[in-house]
Amino acid sequence: MKRFIFITLFIVVFISMVSMRTTFAISIVYEATDLSDTTPGEDVWQYTYWLSDYTFNTGYGFTIYFDYQLYSNLEDPPPAVNSDWDPIVWQPDSSLPDDGAYDALALVDNASLADPFTISFVWLGSWSPGGQYFEVYDSSFNTVASGQTAPVPEPATFLLISTGLLGLAGFKKKFGITRG
C-alpha cells in the first residue's frame, strides 16, 4: 500500500512539474467566449488575452495572427486596453491571401499587463477557435520571442486527477485488493 501511495504521489508531482513553465518565456493565454450571432451565418467570438512572464518597454510589442482561412471581421478599432498600450488591427484577406493580426505597442517602459487585451471576430472554421501564433518584437521590430497562445488552464483539472488517484488508493485499501 505504501508503495502504491508513493508511486501515485510521484506521478502527481511529475505531472505538475511537467506542466509548469521551466523558462521565463512570454506566455499568452486566452479565454474564448461564443457571442450572440447577430448576422445569420456568422459565428461571432471574443478572445480575452492575458500576458505574463515578459517586461515590455517603450516601443516593444506583440502581434497575434489570425489565419485568413479561419477568421474574418476582426473588431476594428480594437477595444482600448489602458494608456500604456496602442492596439491596432488589420483584417485577414483571402484574396491576397494574407493573415490578419491584433498588434499592441507599448507606449511606456514596463507597460502594464494588469488589464486583458480583447478582440471579437467572426469564426469561419468548424467547432470552436483554438490557439494562434504570436510574435513579440523589440523597438527595432526584430522578433525576440514567438509561440502559440494557449487556453486559460483550469485549476480544477489538477484537483480532479488528485482526488481520483486518492480514491483509487482508498478503494484498494478498503477492499483489500492485492497483486495476484
C-alpha atoms as a PDB file:
ATOM      1  CA  MET A   1       0.000   0.000   0.000  1.00  0.00           C
ATOM      2  CA  LYS A   2       2.820   2.388   0.872  1.00  0.00           C
ATOM      3  CA  ARG A   3       4.447   1.674  -2.451  1.00  0.00           C
ATOM      4  CA  PHE A   4       1.199   2.471  -4.306  1.00  0.00           C
ATOM      5  CA  ILE A   5       0.822   5.790  -2.454  1.00  0.00           C
ATOM      6  CA  PHE A   6       4.467   6.645  -3.166  1.00  0.00           C
ATOM      7  CA  ILE A   7       4.051   5.896  -6.883  1.00  0.00           C
ATOM      8  CA  THR A   8       0.796   7.884  -7.008  1.00  0.00           C
ATOM      9  CA  LEU A   9       2.419  10.838  -5.263  1.00  0.00           C
ATOM     10  CA  PHE A  10       5.410  10.640  -7.617  1.00  0.00           C
ATOM     11  CA  ILE A  11       3.110  10.689 -10.672  1.00  0.00           C
ATOM     12  CA  VAL A  12       1.166  13.703  -9.364  1.00  0.00           C
ATOM     13  CA  VAL A  13       4.376  15.636  -8.640  1.00  0.00           C
ATOM     14  CA  PHE A  14       5.836  14.686 -12.025  1.00  0.00           C
ATOM     15  CA  ILE A  15       2.715  15.827 -13.895  1.00  0.00           C
ATOM     16  CA  SER A  16       2.647  19.119 -12.011  1.00  0.00           C
ATOM     17  CA  MET A  17       6.349  19.753 -12.718  1.00  0.00           C
ATOM     18  CA  VAL A  18       5.995  18.970 -16.414  1.00  0.00           C
ATOM     19  CA  SER A  19       3.042  21.330 -16.726  1.00  0.00           C
ATOM     20  CA  MET A  20       4.923  24.192 -15.037  1.00  0.00           C
ATOM     21  CA  ARG A  21       6.887  26.579 -17.218  1.00  0.00           C
ATOM     22  CA  THR A  22      10.596  25.993 -16.746  1.00  0.00           C
ATOM     23  CA  THR A  23      11.706  29.069 -18.668  1.00  0.00           C
ATOM     24  CA  PHE A  24      10.772  32.681 -18.374  1.00  0.00           C
ATOM     25  CA  ALA A  25       9.491  32.967 -21.939  1.00  0.00           C
ATOM     26  CA  ILE A  26       6.382  35.035 -22.541  1.00  0.00           C
ATOM     27  CA  SER A  27       3.067  33.366 -22.008  1.00  0.00           C
ATOM     28  CA  ILE A  28      -0.138  34.471 -23.737  1.00  0.00           C
ATOM     29  CA  VAL A  29      -3.277  32.693 -22.588  1.00  0.00           C
ATOM     30  CA  TYR A  30      -6.793  33.299 -23.832  1.00  0.00           C
ATOM     31  CA  GLU A  31     -10.363  32.752 -22.862  1.00  0.00           C
ATOM     32  CA  ALA A  32     -12.755  32.196 -25.764  1.00  0.00           C
ATOM     33  CA  THR A  33     -16.354  33.389 -25.489  1.00  0.00           C
ATOM     34  CA  ASP A  34     -19.040  32.489 -28.041  1.00  0.00           C
ATOM     35  CA  LEU A  35     -21.023  35.724 -28.500  1.00  0.00           C
ATOM     36  CA  SER A  36     -24.586  36.123 -29.732  1.00  0.00           C
ATOM     37  CA  ASP A  37     -24.654  35.933 -33.514  1.00  0.00           C
ATOM     38  CA  THR A  38     -26.448  38.998 -34.893  1.00  0.00           C
ATOM     39  CA  THR A  39     -25.996  38.184 -38.589  1.00  0.00           C
ATOM     40  CA  PRO A  40     -27.233  34.817 -39.909  1.00  0.00           C
ATOM     41  CA  GLY A  41     -24.356  32.588 -40.962  1.00  0.00           C
ATOM     42  CA  GLU A  42     -21.731  34.414 -38.879  1.00  0.00           C
ATOM     43  CA  ASP A  43     -20.257  32.764 -35.790  1.00  0.00           C
ATOM     44  CA  VAL A  44     -19.071  35.646 -33.580  1.00  0.00           C
ATOM     45  CA  TRP A  45     -16.481  35.006 -30.862  1.00  0.00           C
ATOM     46  CA  GLN A  46     -14.413  37.083 -28.476  1.00  0.00           C
ATOM     47  CA  TYR A  47     -10.932  36.325 -27.204  1.00  0.00           C
ATOM     48  CA  THR A  48      -9.651  37.806 -23.979  1.00  0.00           C
ATOM     49  CA  TYR A  49      -5.852  37.556 -23.719  1.00  0.00           C
ATOM     50  CA  TRP A  50      -3.606  37.751 -20.652  1.00  0.00           C
ATOM     51  CA  LEU A  51       0.158  38.167 -20.976  1.00  0.00           C
ATOM     52  CA  SER A  52       2.798  37.214 -18.419  1.00  0.00           C
ATOM     53  CA  ASP A  53       6.495  36.488 -17.929  1.00  0.00           C
ATOM     54  CA  TYR A  54       7.729  39.425 -20.011  1.00  0.00           C
ATOM     55  CA  THR A  55       8.519  43.110 -19.483  1.00  0.00           C
ATOM     56  CA  PHE A  56       7.505  45.381 -22.342  1.00  0.00           C
ATOM     57  CA  ASN A  57       9.482  48.622 -22.636  1.00  0.00           C
ATOM     58  CA  THR A  58       8.678  51.583 -24.867  1.00  0.00           C
ATOM     59  CA  GLY A  59       8.481  50.525 -28.497  1.00  0.00           C
ATOM     60  CA  TYR A  60       8.195  46.812 -27.738  1.00  0.00           C
ATOM     61  CA  GLY A  61       5.010  44.973 -28.597  1.00  0.00           C
ATOM     62  CA  PHE A  62       3.340  41.773 -29.672  1.00  0.00           C
ATOM     63  CA  THR A  63       1.327  40.559 -32.643  1.00  0.00           C
ATOM     64  CA  ILE A  64      -1.248  37.757 -32.589  1.00  0.00           C
ATOM     65  CA  TYR A  65      -2.052  36.393 -36.043  1.00  0.00           C
ATOM     66  CA  PHE A  66      -5.487  35.409 -37.342  1.00  0.00           C
ATOM     67  CA  ASP A  67      -5.424  32.880 -40.208  1.00  0.00           C
ATOM     68  CA  TYR A  68      -7.295  34.261 -43.234  1.00  0.00           C
ATOM     69  CA  GLN A  69      -8.995  30.876 -43.763  1.00  0.00           C
ATOM     70  CA  LEU A  70     -10.397  30.755 -40.221  1.00  0.00           C
ATOM     71  CA  TYR A  71     -11.100  34.349 -39.143  1.00  0.00           C
ATOM     72  CA  SER A  72     -12.774  37.447 -40.567  1.00  0.00           C
ATOM     73  CA  ASN A  73     -14.211  40.777 -39.427  1.00  0.00           C
ATOM     74  CA  LEU A  74     -11.778  41.462 -36.583  1.00  0.00           C
ATOM     75  CA  GLU A  75     -13.142  44.157 -34.305  1.00  0.00           C
ATOM     76  CA  ASP A  76     -11.757  47.424 -35.686  1.00  0.00           C
ATOM     77  CA  PRO A  77     -10.798  49.544 -33.886  1.00  0.00           C
ATOM     78  CA  PRO A  78      -9.962  47.119 -31.087  1.00  0.00           C
ATOM     79  CA  PRO A  79     -11.094  47.945 -27.554  1.00  0.00           C
ATOM     80  CA  ALA A  80      -8.712  50.147 -25.562  1.00  0.00           C
ATOM     81  CA  VAL A  81      -6.549  48.322 -23.029  1.00  0.00           C
ATOM     82  CA  ASN A  82      -5.072  51.085 -20.881  1.00  0.00           C
ATOM     83  CA  SER A  83      -2.945  54.183 -21.510  1.00  0.00           C
ATOM     84  CA  ASP A  84       0.263  52.083 -21.660  1.00  0.00           C
ATOM     85  CA  TRP A  85      -0.719  50.408 -24.943  1.00  0.00           C
ATOM     86  CA  ASP A  86      -1.630  51.325 -28.522  1.00  0.00           C
ATOM     87  CA  PRO A  87      -3.527  48.400 -30.105  1.00  0.00           C
ATOM     88  CA  ILE A  88      -4.256  48.135 -33.825  1.00  0.00           C
ATOM     89  CA  VAL A  89      -5.891  45.515 -36.041  1.00  0.00           C
ATOM     90  CA  TRP A  90      -5.540  44.540 -39.669  1.00  0.00           C
ATOM     91  CA  GLN A  91      -8.063  42.306 -41.345  1.00  0.00           C
ATOM     92  CA  PRO A  92      -7.434  38.833 -42.777  1.00  0.00           C
ATOM     93  CA  ASP A  93      -7.669  38.976 -46.579  1.00  0.00           C
ATOM     94  CA  SER A  94      -8.425  35.779 -48.507  1.00  0.00           C
ATOM     95  CA  SER A  95      -7.934  37.485 -51.884  1.00  0.00           C
ATOM     96  CA  LEU A  96      -4.201  38.166 -51.256  1.00  0.00           C
ATOM     97  CA  PRO A  97      -4.091  35.675 -49.231  1.00  0.00           C
ATOM     98  CA  ASP A  98      -2.838  37.278 -46.015  1.00  0.00           C
ATOM     99  CA  ASP A  99      -3.469  36.716 -42.322  1.00  0.00           C
ATOM    100  CA  GLY A 100      -4.955  39.401 -40.128  1.00  0.00           C
ATOM    101  CA  ALA A 101      -3.499  40.446 -36.793  1.00  0.00           C
ATOM    102  CA  TYR A 102      -4.031  42.095 -33.447  1.00  0.00           C
ATOM    103  CA  ASP A 103      -0.985  44.192 -32.583  1.00  0.00           C
ATOM    104  CA  ALA A 104      -0.257  46.114 -29.386  1.00  0.00           C
ATOM    105  CA  LEU A 105       2.653  48.546 -28.997  1.00  0.00           C
ATOM    106  CA  ALA A 106       3.936  49.548 -25.543  1.00  0.00           C
ATOM    107  CA  LEU A 107       3.966  53.345 -25.134  1.00  0.00           C
ATOM    108  CA  VAL A 108       5.897  53.365 -21.835  1.00  0.00           C
ATOM    109  CA  ASP A 109       8.615  51.344 -20.133  1.00  0.00           C
ATOM    110  CA  ASN A 110       7.297  48.438 -18.055  1.00  0.00           C
ATOM    111  CA  ALA A 111       3.868  48.662 -19.717  1.00  0.00           C
ATOM    112  CA  SER A 112       1.096  47.310 -17.501  1.00  0.00           C
ATOM    113  CA  LEU A 113      -0.146  43.785 -18.153  1.00  0.00           C
ATOM    114  CA  ALA A 114      -2.822  44.051 -15.461  1.00  0.00           C
ATOM    115  CA  ASP A 115      -5.650  44.607 -17.958  1.00  0.00           C
ATOM    116  CA  PRO A 116      -6.613  41.960 -20.520  1.00  0.00           C
ATOM    117  CA  PHE A 117      -6.458  42.507 -24.276  1.00  0.00           C
ATOM    118  CA  THR A 118      -9.724  41.686 -26.067  1.00  0.00           C
ATOM    119  CA  ILE A 119     -10.959  41.349 -29.620  1.00  0.00           C
ATOM    120  CA  SER A 120     -14.059  39.925 -31.257  1.00  0.00           C
ATOM    121  CA  PHE A 121     -14.158  38.277 -34.672  1.00  0.00           C
ATOM    122  CA  VAL A 122     -16.159  36.023 -36.969  1.00  0.00           C
ATOM    123  CA  TRP A 123     -15.036  32.399 -36.800  1.00  0.00           C
ATOM    124  CA  LEU A 124     -15.089  30.643 -40.193  1.00  0.00           C
ATOM    125  CA  GLY A 125     -13.984  27.209 -39.000  1.00  0.00           C
ATOM    126  CA  SER A 126     -15.943  24.340 -37.560  1.00  0.00           C
ATOM    127  CA  TRP A 127     -16.068  23.521 -33.832  1.00  0.00           C
ATOM    128  CA  SER A 128     -14.566  26.341 -31.782  1.00  0.00           C
ATOM    129  CA  PRO A 129     -11.473  28.518 -32.340  1.00  0.00           C
ATOM    130  CA  GLY A 130      -8.156  27.492 -30.826  1.00  0.00           C
ATOM    131  CA  GLY A 131      -4.651  28.836 -30.243  1.00  0.00           C
ATOM    132  CA  GLN A 132      -2.895  31.268 -32.540  1.00  0.00           C
ATOM    133  CA  TYR A 133       0.678  32.057 -33.472  1.00  0.00           C
ATOM    134  CA  PHE A 134       2.158  35.183 -31.863  1.00  0.00           C
ATOM    135  CA  GLU A 135       5.383  37.173 -32.016  1.00  0.00           C
ATOM    136  CA  VAL A 136       6.961  39.616 -29.577  1.00  0.00           C
ATOM    137  CA  TYR A 137       9.117  42.347 -31.090  1.00  0.00           C
ATOM    138  CA  ASP A 138      11.597  44.926 -29.827  1.00  0.00           C
ATOM    139  CA  SER A 139      11.766  48.658 -30.594  1.00  0.00           C
ATOM    140  CA  SER A 140      13.543  47.883 -33.905  1.00  0.00           C
ATOM    141  CA  PHE A 141      10.736  45.427 -34.809  1.00  0.00           C
ATOM    142  CA  ASN A 142      13.022  42.410 -34.524  1.00  0.00           C
ATOM    143  CA  THR A 143      11.227  39.280 -33.345  1.00  0.00           C
ATOM    144  CA  VAL A 144      12.547  38.428 -29.866  1.00  0.00           C
ATOM    145  CA  ALA A 145      10.072  35.684 -28.932  1.00  0.00           C
ATOM    146  CA  SER A 146       7.286  33.696 -30.548  1.00  0.00           C
ATOM    147  CA  GLY A 147       4.898  30.953 -29.639  1.00  0.00           C
ATOM    148  CA  GLN A 148       1.336  29.747 -29.589  1.00  0.00           C
ATOM    149  CA  THR A 149      -1.443  31.196 -27.459  1.00  0.00           C
ATOM    150  CA  ALA A 150      -2.959  28.693 -25.045  1.00  0.00           C
ATOM    151  CA  PRO A 151      -6.336  28.434 -23.345  1.00  0.00           C
ATOM    152  CA  VAL A 152      -6.509  29.530 -19.716  1.00  0.00           C
ATOM    153  CA  PRO A 153      -5.735  26.375 -17.692  1.00  0.00           C
ATOM    154  CA  GLU A 154      -8.471  25.052 -15.481  1.00  0.00           C
ATOM    155  CA  PRO A 155      -7.276  24.687 -11.880  1.00  0.00           C
ATOM    156  CA  ALA A 156      -9.920  22.062 -11.229  1.00  0.00           C
ATOM    157  CA  THR A 157      -8.155  19.568 -13.516  1.00  0.00           C
ATOM    158  CA  PHE A 158      -5.255  19.000 -11.108  1.00  0.00           C
ATOM    159  CA  LEU A 159      -7.677  18.657  -8.186  1.00  0.00           C
ATOM    160  CA  LEU A 160      -9.811  16.157 -10.114  1.00  0.00           C
ATOM    161  CA  ILE A 161      -6.822  13.966 -11.019  1.00  0.00           C
ATOM    162  CA  SER A 162      -5.503  14.030  -7.444  1.00  0.00           C
ATOM    163  CA  THR A 163      -8.904  13.155  -5.982  1.00  0.00           C
ATOM    164  CA  GLY A 164      -9.292  10.258  -8.428  1.00  0.00           C
ATOM    165  CA  LEU A 165      -5.889   8.823  -7.552  1.00  0.00           C
ATOM    166  CA  LEU A 166      -6.561   9.092  -3.820  1.00  0.00           C
ATOM    167  CA  GLY A 167      -9.950   7.466  -4.373  1.00  0.00           C
ATOM    168  CA  LEU A 168      -8.297   4.537  -6.126  1.00  0.00           C
ATOM    169  CA  ALA A 169      -5.876   4.135  -3.224  1.00  0.00           C
ATOM    170  CA  GLY A 170      -8.758   4.150  -0.739  1.00  0.00           C
ATOM    171  CA  PHE A 171     -10.734   1.674  -2.845  1.00  0.00           C
ATOM    172  CA  LYS A 172      -7.760  -0.668  -2.935  1.00  0.00           C
ATOM    173  CA  LYS A 173      -7.293  -0.429   0.837  1.00  0.00           C
ATOM    174  CA  LYS A 174     -10.995  -0.869   1.689  1.00  0.00           C
ATOM    175  CA  PHE A 175     -11.485  -3.956  -0.454  1.00  0.00           C
ATOM    176  CA  GLY A 176      -8.056  -5.454   0.229  1.00  0.00           C
ATOM    177  CA  ILE A 177      -7.081  -5.683  -3.411  1.00  0.00           C
ATOM    178  CA  THR A 178      -3.583  -7.099  -3.690  1.00  0.00           C
ATOM    179  CA  ARG A 179      -1.388  -8.262  -6.513  1.00  0.00           C
ATOM    180  CA  GLY A 180      -2.160 -11.770  -7.649  1.00  0.00           C
END
